[in-house]
N, C-alpha and C. Protein backbone atom coordinates (compact mmCIF):
# COMPACT_ATOMS: atom_id res chain seq x y z
N UNK A 1 70.65 179.01 115.36
CA UNK A 1 69.31 179.59 114.32
C UNK A 1 68.32 178.53 113.86
N UNK A 2 67.32 178.77 114.60
CA UNK A 2 66.72 178.46 113.42
C UNK A 2 66.69 178.07 111.99
N UNK A 3 65.71 177.30 111.67
CA UNK A 3 65.49 176.91 110.53
C UNK A 3 64.85 175.40 109.77
N UNK A 4 63.68 175.90 109.14
CA UNK A 4 63.05 174.78 108.47
C UNK A 4 63.26 173.37 107.79
N UNK A 5 63.31 172.57 109.19
CA UNK A 5 63.31 170.79 108.09
C UNK A 5 62.35 170.79 107.67
N UNK A 6 62.64 169.37 106.92
CA UNK A 6 61.18 168.64 106.10
C UNK A 6 62.07 167.28 107.29
N UNK A 7 61.02 166.45 107.62
CA UNK A 7 61.33 165.61 107.92
C UNK A 7 60.56 164.02 107.45
N UNK A 8 60.99 162.75 107.20
CA UNK A 8 61.10 161.80 106.48
C UNK A 8 61.51 160.74 107.45
N UNK A 9 59.86 160.40 107.49
CA UNK A 9 59.63 159.24 108.92
C UNK A 9 59.35 157.95 108.04
N UNK A 10 60.21 156.92 108.08
CA UNK A 10 59.72 155.32 107.56
C UNK A 10 59.65 154.86 108.43
N UNK A 11 57.81 153.83 108.40
CA UNK A 11 57.40 153.34 109.63
C UNK A 11 56.65 152.01 109.28
N UNK A 12 56.43 151.37 109.54
CA UNK A 12 55.59 150.26 109.84
C UNK A 12 54.10 150.86 109.99
N UNK A 13 52.94 150.32 109.82
CA UNK A 13 51.79 150.77 109.53
C UNK A 13 51.07 149.83 111.18
N UNK A 14 51.61 150.91 113.11
CA UNK A 14 51.10 151.09 113.99
C UNK A 14 50.28 151.69 114.26
N UNK A 15 49.28 151.09 115.53
CA UNK A 15 47.75 152.08 116.09
C UNK A 15 48.75 152.58 117.14
N UNK A 16 48.28 153.91 116.70
CA UNK A 16 49.84 154.96 118.30
C UNK A 16 50.36 155.19 118.17
N UNK A 17 50.96 155.09 116.77
CA UNK A 17 52.61 155.78 116.65
C UNK A 17 52.13 157.35 116.38
N UNK A 18 51.29 157.54 115.50
CA UNK A 18 51.18 159.15 115.24
C UNK A 18 51.20 160.04 116.82
N UNK A 19 50.84 159.11 117.53
CA UNK A 19 50.46 159.60 118.75
C UNK A 19 51.45 160.16 119.71
N UNK A 20 52.31 159.23 118.97
CA UNK A 20 54.04 159.02 120.29
C UNK A 20 54.87 159.97 119.34
N UNK A 21 54.31 160.05 118.35
CA UNK A 21 55.20 161.06 117.65
C UNK A 21 54.85 162.78 118.39
N UNK A 22 53.92 162.79 118.28
CA UNK A 22 53.33 163.93 118.70
C UNK A 22 53.30 164.75 119.99
N UNK A 23 53.90 163.60 120.82
CA UNK A 23 54.35 163.80 122.48
C UNK A 23 55.87 164.21 121.62
N UNK A 24 56.91 164.00 120.99
CA UNK A 24 58.06 163.69 121.20
C UNK A 24 57.94 165.64 120.66
N UNK A 25 57.01 165.40 120.05
CA UNK A 25 57.82 167.50 119.22
C UNK A 25 56.60 168.31 120.36
N UNK A 26 55.90 168.05 120.89
CA UNK A 26 55.03 168.46 122.29
C UNK A 26 55.67 168.90 123.34
N UNK A 27 57.10 167.94 123.71
CA UNK A 27 57.79 167.56 124.70
C UNK A 27 58.82 168.86 124.56
N UNK A 28 59.00 169.29 123.58
CA UNK A 28 60.12 170.63 123.05
C UNK A 28 59.46 171.80 122.43
N UNK A 29 58.25 171.52 123.34
CA UNK A 29 57.42 172.76 122.01
C UNK A 29 57.71 173.56 120.91
N UNK A 30 57.33 172.32 120.03
CA UNK A 30 57.72 172.55 118.48
C UNK A 30 56.65 172.15 118.31
N UNK A 31 55.80 173.47 117.12
CA UNK A 31 54.84 173.21 116.62
C UNK A 31 55.13 172.61 115.18
N UNK A 32 54.30 172.01 114.90
CA UNK A 32 54.34 171.15 113.19
C UNK A 32 53.71 172.35 112.05
N UNK A 33 54.93 172.75 111.31
CA UNK A 33 54.39 173.44 109.98
C UNK A 33 53.33 172.35 109.50
N UNK A 34 53.48 171.27 109.08
CA UNK A 34 52.72 170.13 107.97
C UNK A 34 53.14 169.03 108.44
N UNK A 35 51.97 168.36 108.01
CA UNK A 35 51.70 166.86 108.60
C UNK A 35 51.32 166.20 106.90
N UNK A 36 52.03 165.09 106.87
CA UNK A 36 52.02 164.50 105.31
C UNK A 36 51.90 162.69 105.63
N UNK A 37 50.70 162.04 105.55
CA UNK A 37 50.88 160.30 106.25
C UNK A 37 50.40 160.13 104.24
N UNK A 38 51.42 158.74 104.24
CA UNK A 38 51.16 158.06 102.90
C UNK A 38 52.03 156.88 102.93
N UNK A 39 51.38 156.17 101.89
CA UNK A 39 52.13 154.59 102.09
C UNK A 39 53.52 155.37 101.13
N UNK A 40 54.71 154.42 100.52
CA UNK A 40 55.68 154.72 100.57
C UNK A 40 55.79 154.08 99.49
N UNK A 41 57.41 153.30 99.01
CA UNK A 41 57.39 153.24 97.74
C UNK A 41 58.00 151.69 98.13
N UNK A 42 57.55 151.30 98.85
CA UNK A 42 58.37 149.78 99.96
C UNK A 42 57.21 149.61 100.35
N UNK A 43 56.37 148.35 99.73
CA UNK A 43 55.07 147.92 100.36
C UNK A 43 55.41 147.34 101.53
N UNK A 44 54.24 147.84 102.55
CA UNK A 44 53.99 147.86 103.98
C UNK A 44 54.53 149.24 105.02
N UNK A 45 55.48 149.82 103.69
CA UNK A 45 56.07 151.02 104.90
C UNK A 45 55.72 152.34 104.24
N UNK A 46 55.01 152.35 105.65
CA UNK A 46 54.60 154.18 105.42
C UNK A 46 55.32 155.54 105.66
N UNK A 47 55.04 156.27 104.61
CA UNK A 47 55.85 158.00 105.26
C UNK A 47 55.27 158.90 105.67
N UNK A 48 55.76 159.76 106.99
CA UNK A 48 54.74 160.55 107.17
C UNK A 48 56.55 161.78 107.03
N UNK A 49 55.70 162.80 106.63
CA UNK A 49 56.87 164.21 105.86
C UNK A 49 55.91 165.33 106.96
N UNK A 50 56.87 165.71 107.41
CA UNK A 50 56.33 166.72 109.02
C UNK A 50 57.53 167.88 109.08
N UNK A 51 57.07 168.68 108.69
CA UNK A 51 57.96 169.95 108.58
C UNK A 51 57.88 170.96 110.29
N UNK A 52 58.89 171.20 110.26
CA UNK A 52 58.94 172.14 111.03
C UNK A 52 60.28 172.90 111.62
N UNK A 53 60.18 174.71 112.72
CA UNK A 53 61.31 175.19 111.93
C UNK A 53 61.61 174.91 113.35
N UNK A 54 63.20 175.01 113.91
CA UNK A 54 63.90 174.86 115.26
C UNK A 54 65.17 174.68 114.18
N UNK A 55 66.69 174.47 115.71
CA UNK A 55 67.80 174.48 115.08
C UNK A 55 68.37 172.79 114.78
N UNK A 56 68.85 173.00 114.12
CA UNK A 56 70.10 171.36 113.55
C UNK A 56 69.97 170.82 115.07
N UNK A 57 70.44 171.42 116.35
CA UNK A 57 70.99 170.47 117.41
C UNK A 57 69.78 169.59 117.73
N UNK A 58 68.67 170.50 117.86
CA UNK A 58 67.29 169.95 118.25
C UNK A 58 66.79 168.98 117.28
N UNK A 59 67.20 169.17 116.20
CA UNK A 59 66.19 168.37 115.37
C UNK A 59 67.14 166.96 115.05
N UNK A 60 68.37 167.47 115.42
CA UNK A 60 69.07 165.78 115.83
C UNK A 60 68.64 164.93 116.86
N UNK A 61 67.99 165.09 117.93
CA UNK A 61 67.77 165.17 118.91
C UNK A 61 66.40 164.41 118.51
N UNK A 62 66.03 164.97 117.75
CA UNK A 62 64.35 164.76 117.65
C UNK A 62 64.18 163.57 116.58
N UNK A 63 65.35 163.59 115.72
CA UNK A 63 65.41 161.89 115.09
C UNK A 63 65.80 161.07 116.00
N UNK A 64 66.72 161.36 116.61
CA UNK A 64 66.95 160.20 117.13
C UNK A 64 66.06 159.04 118.37
N UNK A 65 64.80 160.25 118.85
CA UNK A 65 63.90 159.84 119.82
C UNK A 65 62.99 159.31 119.05
N UNK A 66 62.81 160.33 117.59
CA UNK A 66 61.77 159.58 116.83
C UNK A 66 61.79 157.55 116.79
N UNK A 67 63.96 157.61 115.96
CA UNK A 67 64.11 156.67 115.70
C UNK A 67 64.40 154.78 116.76
N UNK A 68 63.73 156.09 118.53
CA UNK A 68 63.60 155.01 119.38
C UNK A 68 62.34 153.80 119.59
N UNK A 69 61.29 154.88 118.51
CA UNK A 69 59.66 154.07 118.86
C UNK A 69 59.86 152.85 118.08
N UNK A 70 58.82 151.97 118.92
CA UNK A 70 58.61 151.04 118.79
C UNK A 70 57.74 150.61 116.94
N UNK A 71 58.70 150.44 116.22
CA UNK A 71 57.46 150.59 114.76
C UNK A 71 57.44 151.69 113.59
N UNK A 72 58.93 152.26 113.81
CA UNK A 72 59.66 153.46 113.05
C UNK A 72 60.66 152.95 112.55
N UNK A 73 60.55 152.60 111.00
CA UNK A 73 62.43 151.82 110.17
C UNK A 73 62.86 152.63 110.12
N UNK A 74 62.81 154.10 109.84
CA UNK A 74 64.01 154.77 109.72
C UNK A 74 63.21 157.07 109.86
N UNK A 75 64.55 157.69 109.86
CA UNK A 75 64.06 159.06 110.00
C UNK A 75 65.25 159.77 109.22
N UNK A 76 65.10 160.58 108.77
CA UNK A 76 65.79 161.43 108.15
C UNK A 76 65.18 162.97 108.37
N UNK A 77 66.44 164.40 108.77
CA UNK A 77 65.53 165.41 108.06
C UNK A 77 66.84 165.89 107.21
N UNK A 78 66.27 166.79 106.63
CA UNK A 78 66.22 167.39 105.23
C UNK A 78 66.14 169.40 105.36
N UNK A 79 67.12 169.86 104.48
CA UNK A 79 67.03 171.43 104.69
C UNK A 79 66.05 171.47 103.00
N UNK A 80 65.84 172.77 103.20
CA UNK A 80 65.20 172.63 101.93
C UNK A 80 65.84 172.96 100.40
N UNK A 81 66.90 173.08 100.69
CA UNK A 81 67.72 173.20 99.56
C UNK A 81 67.62 171.63 98.95
N UNK A 82 67.14 170.72 100.26
CA UNK A 82 67.75 168.98 99.74
C UNK A 82 66.87 168.01 99.08
N UNK A 83 65.77 168.68 98.48
CA UNK A 83 64.43 168.23 98.58
C UNK A 83 63.60 169.00 97.50
N UNK A 84 62.75 167.99 96.68
CA UNK A 84 61.81 168.96 95.73
C UNK A 84 60.66 168.70 96.46
N UNK A 85 59.71 169.65 96.52
CA UNK A 85 58.46 169.30 97.52
C UNK A 85 57.65 170.94 96.94
N UNK A 86 56.15 170.34 97.51
CA UNK A 86 55.16 171.11 96.63
C UNK A 86 53.95 170.86 97.83
N UNK A 87 52.89 171.64 97.77
CA UNK A 87 51.47 171.28 98.30
C UNK A 87 50.73 171.91 97.07
N UNK A 88 49.47 170.63 97.97
CA UNK A 88 48.02 171.07 96.57
C UNK A 88 46.90 171.92 97.82
N UNK A 89 46.39 173.18 97.07
CA UNK A 89 45.64 173.97 97.39
C UNK A 89 44.49 173.70 97.01
N UNK A 90 43.40 173.78 97.27
CA UNK A 90 42.03 174.31 96.61
C UNK A 90 41.80 175.48 97.12
N UNK A 91 41.14 176.53 96.20
CA UNK A 91 39.84 177.42 96.54
C UNK A 91 38.31 177.11 96.12
N UNK A 92 37.53 177.36 96.96
CA UNK A 92 36.45 177.94 96.75
C UNK A 92 35.45 179.38 96.40
N UNK A 93 35.56 179.43 95.61
CA UNK A 93 35.01 181.19 95.26
C UNK A 93 33.97 180.79 94.66
N UNK A 94 33.29 181.95 95.10
CA UNK A 94 31.73 182.50 94.34
C UNK A 94 31.62 181.84 92.15
N UNK A 95 30.48 181.64 91.73
CA UNK A 95 30.92 181.72 90.11
C UNK A 95 30.11 182.94 89.93
N UNK A 96 29.66 183.75 90.65
CA UNK A 96 30.05 184.86 90.05
C UNK A 96 31.50 185.77 89.83
N UNK A 97 32.31 185.35 90.59
CA UNK A 97 33.84 186.40 90.45
C UNK A 97 33.87 185.81 88.62
N UNK A 98 33.93 184.19 88.29
CA UNK A 98 34.35 184.21 87.24
C UNK A 98 33.66 184.57 86.16
N UNK A 99 32.12 184.84 86.55
CA UNK A 99 30.95 185.38 85.16
C UNK A 99 31.46 186.86 85.36
N UNK A 100 31.85 187.79 86.40
CA UNK A 100 32.14 189.01 86.55
C UNK A 100 33.25 190.08 85.47
N UNK A 101 34.06 189.20 84.61
CA UNK A 101 34.63 189.75 83.52
C UNK A 101 36.19 188.08 83.65
N UNK A 102 37.02 188.92 83.24
CA UNK A 102 38.03 188.11 83.01
C UNK A 102 39.65 188.09 83.84
N UNK A 103 39.40 188.93 85.28
CA UNK A 103 39.85 188.79 86.00
C UNK A 103 40.16 187.91 86.94
N UNK A 104 39.34 186.94 87.81
CA UNK A 104 39.60 185.62 87.93
C UNK A 104 40.33 184.58 87.02
N UNK A 105 40.31 184.63 85.44
CA UNK A 105 40.43 184.30 84.47
C UNK A 105 42.35 183.87 84.81
N UNK A 106 42.21 185.34 84.38
CA UNK A 106 44.20 185.74 84.65
C UNK A 106 44.51 185.36 85.32
N UNK A 107 43.51 185.30 86.58
CA UNK A 107 44.85 184.97 88.33
C UNK A 107 44.68 183.04 87.99
N UNK A 108 44.09 182.16 87.75
CA UNK A 108 43.55 181.23 87.28
C UNK A 108 44.61 180.71 86.00
N UNK A 109 44.81 181.63 84.89
CA UNK A 109 46.74 181.14 84.46
C UNK A 109 47.85 181.74 85.27
N UNK A 110 47.51 182.73 85.57
CA UNK A 110 48.99 183.75 85.96
C UNK A 110 50.01 182.51 87.04
N UNK A 111 48.73 182.07 87.40
CA UNK A 111 49.01 181.24 88.82
C UNK A 111 49.76 179.21 89.00
N UNK A 112 48.94 179.51 86.73
CA UNK A 112 49.06 177.80 86.81
C UNK A 112 48.60 177.29 87.62
N UNK A 113 46.98 177.90 87.95
CA UNK A 113 46.28 176.89 88.58
C UNK A 113 44.77 176.17 87.65
N UNK A 114 44.57 175.38 88.02
CA UNK A 114 43.11 174.71 87.44
C UNK A 114 41.70 174.74 88.06
N UNK A 115 40.83 174.73 87.02
CA UNK A 115 39.35 175.11 87.28
C UNK A 115 39.10 173.39 88.14
N UNK A 116 38.62 172.49 89.30
CA UNK A 116 38.57 171.52 89.45
C UNK A 116 36.43 170.83 88.92
N UNK A 117 36.49 172.09 89.54
CA UNK A 117 34.21 172.53 89.18
C UNK A 117 33.99 173.31 88.74
N UNK A 118 32.47 173.55 88.22
CA UNK A 118 32.20 174.97 88.38
C UNK A 118 30.60 174.24 88.24
N UNK A 119 29.87 174.97 89.54
CA UNK A 119 28.68 174.29 89.61
C UNK A 119 27.96 175.94 89.70
N UNK A 120 26.33 175.96 89.59
CA UNK A 120 26.27 177.52 89.56
C UNK A 120 26.28 178.20 90.85
N UNK A 121 26.56 177.81 91.89
CA UNK A 121 26.54 178.51 92.82
C UNK A 121 28.52 179.09 93.27
N UNK A 122 29.01 178.29 93.03
CA UNK A 122 30.68 178.36 93.16
C UNK A 122 31.76 177.16 91.71
N UNK A 123 32.71 177.81 91.79
CA UNK A 123 33.82 177.19 91.45
C UNK A 123 34.89 176.46 92.83
N UNK A 124 35.51 176.12 91.78
CA UNK A 124 36.92 175.36 92.91
C UNK A 124 38.09 175.31 91.85
N UNK A 125 38.74 175.67 92.10
CA UNK A 125 39.83 175.92 92.03
C UNK A 125 41.12 175.43 92.50
N UNK A 126 41.72 174.55 91.41
CA UNK A 126 43.80 173.55 92.40
C UNK A 126 44.52 174.35 92.00
N UNK A 127 45.51 174.61 92.77
CA UNK A 127 47.25 174.86 92.57
C UNK A 127 47.73 174.08 93.30
N UNK A 128 49.07 173.54 92.36
CA UNK A 128 49.83 172.88 93.19
C UNK A 128 51.51 174.48 93.20
N UNK A 129 52.37 173.95 94.72
CA UNK A 129 52.97 174.48 94.08
C UNK A 129 54.02 174.80 95.76
N UNK A 130 55.04 175.71 96.43
CA UNK A 130 55.61 175.63 97.56
C UNK A 130 54.19 176.96 98.00
N UNK A 131 54.80 176.78 99.35
CA UNK A 131 53.64 177.52 100.48
C UNK A 131 52.96 179.27 100.18
N UNK A 132 54.44 179.54 99.70
CA UNK A 132 53.76 181.18 99.30
C UNK A 132 53.77 181.59 98.15
N UNK A 133 53.64 180.63 97.00
CA UNK A 133 52.85 180.40 95.42
C UNK A 133 51.01 180.30 96.21
N UNK A 134 51.11 179.01 96.65
CA UNK A 134 49.16 178.62 96.95
C UNK A 134 48.85 179.88 97.86
N UNK A 135 49.75 180.40 99.09
CA UNK A 135 49.14 181.48 100.27
C UNK A 135 48.69 182.96 98.62
N UNK A 136 50.42 183.23 97.99
CA UNK A 136 50.25 184.43 96.90
C UNK A 136 48.57 184.60 96.18
N UNK A 137 48.19 183.51 95.81
CA UNK A 137 46.90 182.80 95.00
C UNK A 137 45.63 183.60 95.81
N UNK A 138 45.73 182.63 97.27
CA UNK A 138 44.74 182.78 98.22
C UNK A 138 44.14 184.66 98.61
N UNK A 139 45.57 184.91 98.44
CA UNK A 139 45.63 186.88 98.48
C UNK A 139 44.95 187.55 97.22
N UNK A 140 44.83 186.88 96.33
CA UNK A 140 44.68 187.77 94.89
C UNK A 140 43.01 186.91 95.36
N UNK A 141 42.47 185.93 95.29
CA UNK A 141 41.61 186.11 94.87
C UNK A 141 40.84 186.16 96.67
N UNK A 142 40.76 186.68 97.04
CA UNK A 142 40.24 186.78 98.70
C UNK A 142 39.26 188.09 98.15
N UNK A 143 39.42 188.44 97.37
CA UNK A 143 38.66 190.18 97.20
C UNK A 143 37.37 189.49 96.53
N UNK A 144 37.46 188.26 95.75
CA UNK A 144 35.88 187.46 94.71
C UNK A 144 35.20 187.30 96.17
N UNK A 145 35.17 187.48 96.89
CA UNK A 145 34.47 186.38 97.94
C UNK A 145 35.13 185.35 98.28
N UNK A 146 35.82 184.69 98.98
CA UNK A 146 36.98 183.08 98.86
C UNK A 146 35.77 182.18 100.43
N UNK A 147 34.95 181.51 99.61
CA UNK A 147 34.13 180.35 100.38
C UNK A 147 34.30 179.71 101.45
N UNK A 148 35.53 178.78 100.94
CA UNK A 148 36.69 177.93 101.50
C UNK A 148 38.37 178.15 101.23
N UNK A 149 38.89 177.71 101.98
CA UNK A 149 40.65 176.95 100.76
C UNK A 149 40.78 176.38 102.33
N UNK A 150 41.58 175.42 101.43
CA UNK A 150 42.68 174.16 102.46
C UNK A 150 43.94 174.11 101.43
N UNK A 151 44.54 173.92 102.48
CA UNK A 151 46.75 173.01 102.05
C UNK A 151 46.35 171.88 102.56
N UNK A 152 47.45 171.21 101.89
CA UNK A 152 47.97 169.86 102.06
C UNK A 152 48.60 169.97 102.61
N UNK A 153 49.56 169.14 103.15
CA UNK A 153 50.17 169.32 103.73
C UNK A 153 51.72 169.25 102.70
N UNK A 154 52.93 168.86 103.13
CA UNK A 154 53.60 169.10 102.31
C UNK A 154 54.00 167.76 101.97
N UNK A 155 54.47 167.32 100.39
CA UNK A 155 54.75 165.90 100.07
C UNK A 155 56.22 166.15 99.56
N UNK A 156 57.03 165.59 99.76
CA UNK A 156 58.77 166.14 99.32
C UNK A 156 59.24 164.46 98.51
N UNK A 157 60.46 164.17 98.00
CA UNK A 157 61.28 163.69 97.86
C UNK A 157 62.55 163.82 97.82
N UNK A 158 63.87 163.76 98.11
CA UNK A 158 64.77 163.94 98.38
C UNK A 158 65.48 163.86 97.49
N UNK A 159 66.26 164.56 96.61
CA UNK A 159 67.65 165.22 95.99
C UNK A 159 68.59 164.02 95.20
N UNK A 160 68.71 163.67 97.09
CA UNK A 160 70.07 161.97 96.63
C UNK A 160 69.12 160.66 96.39
N UNK A 161 70.31 159.71 95.90
CA UNK A 161 69.64 159.01 94.86
C UNK A 161 69.35 157.91 95.73
N UNK A 162 70.38 157.67 96.88
CA UNK A 162 69.94 156.35 97.57
C UNK A 162 68.46 156.43 97.77
N UNK A 163 67.44 155.59 97.88
CA UNK A 163 66.75 155.08 97.99
C UNK A 163 65.98 154.10 99.37
N UNK A 164 65.25 154.23 100.21
CA UNK A 164 64.28 154.08 101.05
C UNK A 164 65.10 152.42 101.46
N UNK A 165 64.48 151.80 100.28
CA UNK A 165 64.72 150.08 99.88
C UNK A 165 66.39 149.64 100.18
N UNK A 166 67.69 151.05 99.91
CA UNK A 166 68.93 150.42 100.65
C UNK A 166 68.80 150.54 101.79
N UNK A 167 68.12 151.88 102.47
CA UNK A 167 68.59 151.78 103.66
C UNK A 167 68.13 151.08 104.95
N UNK A 168 67.24 150.13 104.12
CA UNK A 168 65.59 149.32 104.78
C UNK A 168 66.70 148.26 104.87
N UNK A 169 67.20 148.00 103.86
CA UNK A 169 68.66 146.77 103.56
C UNK A 169 69.29 146.88 104.52
N UNK A 170 70.66 147.68 104.61
CA UNK A 170 71.15 148.16 105.58
C UNK A 170 70.73 147.95 106.44
N UNK A 171 69.72 148.34 107.20
CA UNK A 171 69.58 148.22 108.93
C UNK A 171 69.16 146.91 109.05
N UNK A 172 68.09 146.29 108.36
CA UNK A 172 68.12 144.81 108.17
C UNK A 172 69.55 143.77 108.98
N UNK A 173 70.50 144.30 107.59
CA UNK A 173 71.41 143.24 108.08
C UNK A 173 72.25 143.97 109.33
N UNK A 174 72.11 145.02 109.28
CA UNK A 174 72.61 145.91 110.64
C UNK A 174 72.45 145.03 111.88
N UNK A 175 70.95 145.18 111.77
CA UNK A 175 70.29 143.91 113.14
C UNK A 175 71.02 142.67 112.94
N UNK A 176 70.57 141.93 111.59
CA UNK A 176 71.15 140.06 111.80
C UNK A 176 72.56 140.95 112.86
N UNK A 177 73.32 141.29 111.95
CA UNK A 177 74.52 140.77 112.83
C UNK A 177 74.87 141.38 113.63
N UNK A 178 74.36 142.30 114.66
CA UNK A 178 73.82 142.68 116.14
C UNK A 178 73.11 141.26 117.18
N UNK A 179 72.35 141.13 116.19
CA UNK A 179 72.20 139.49 116.63
C UNK A 179 73.26 138.70 116.57
N UNK A 180 73.84 138.52 115.63
CA UNK A 180 74.70 137.23 115.50
C UNK A 180 75.81 137.89 116.43
N UNK A 181 76.39 138.51 116.90
CA UNK A 181 76.87 138.82 118.01
C UNK A 181 76.34 138.42 119.60
N UNK A 182 75.26 139.24 119.68
CA UNK A 182 74.87 138.61 121.15
C UNK A 182 74.77 137.47 121.35
N UNK A 183 74.18 136.36 120.19
CA UNK A 183 74.05 135.23 120.79
C UNK A 183 76.03 134.42 120.95
N UNK A 184 76.47 134.69 119.82
CA UNK A 184 77.50 134.85 120.62
C UNK A 184 78.50 135.50 121.81
N UNK A 185 78.35 136.23 122.41
CA UNK A 185 78.79 136.18 123.52
C UNK A 185 77.75 135.74 124.66
N UNK A 186 77.09 135.27 124.52
CA UNK A 186 76.36 134.56 125.11
C UNK A 186 76.16 132.87 125.18
N UNK A 187 77.04 132.80 124.79
CA UNK A 187 77.76 131.33 124.48
C UNK A 187 78.49 131.24 125.36
């Protein structure tokens, strides 16, 4: 059964890494529902957050394949109930929509959105929330003349307490242990 999974991939800053990752999904005919890249809480470590719909068996194989790539430090997958996540959406509507009555203002308040800018020709509204929440506001604002709409990729943190620095230390210790073992067996 297909489920929505959020991948958190911790990487070094390597050229071509995004291309190699996209090939892993393309070969398996898996579409990316959302993609976001940013620096992580660890200096020099970057985080890719990718959302896909697939089976658990397939996601396990994907994570193993991702971790084989040069420049990947660690990859995790999570179901939605294991993370806290948000997206950001921006809506550009004509200013006249705001001037025609209280409907747009009421929607902005109801959906806990914010006006970022008011220009003579347009206003830009910001909404953070889950995808269905930002989509719902889009559907409500559309009749007022949607000029532009954009939604960011998902940003997410896990509900578990263990920090990435703990994983990186464990990974480093495991690599040192493996290197010592190799040296001892080669003597």
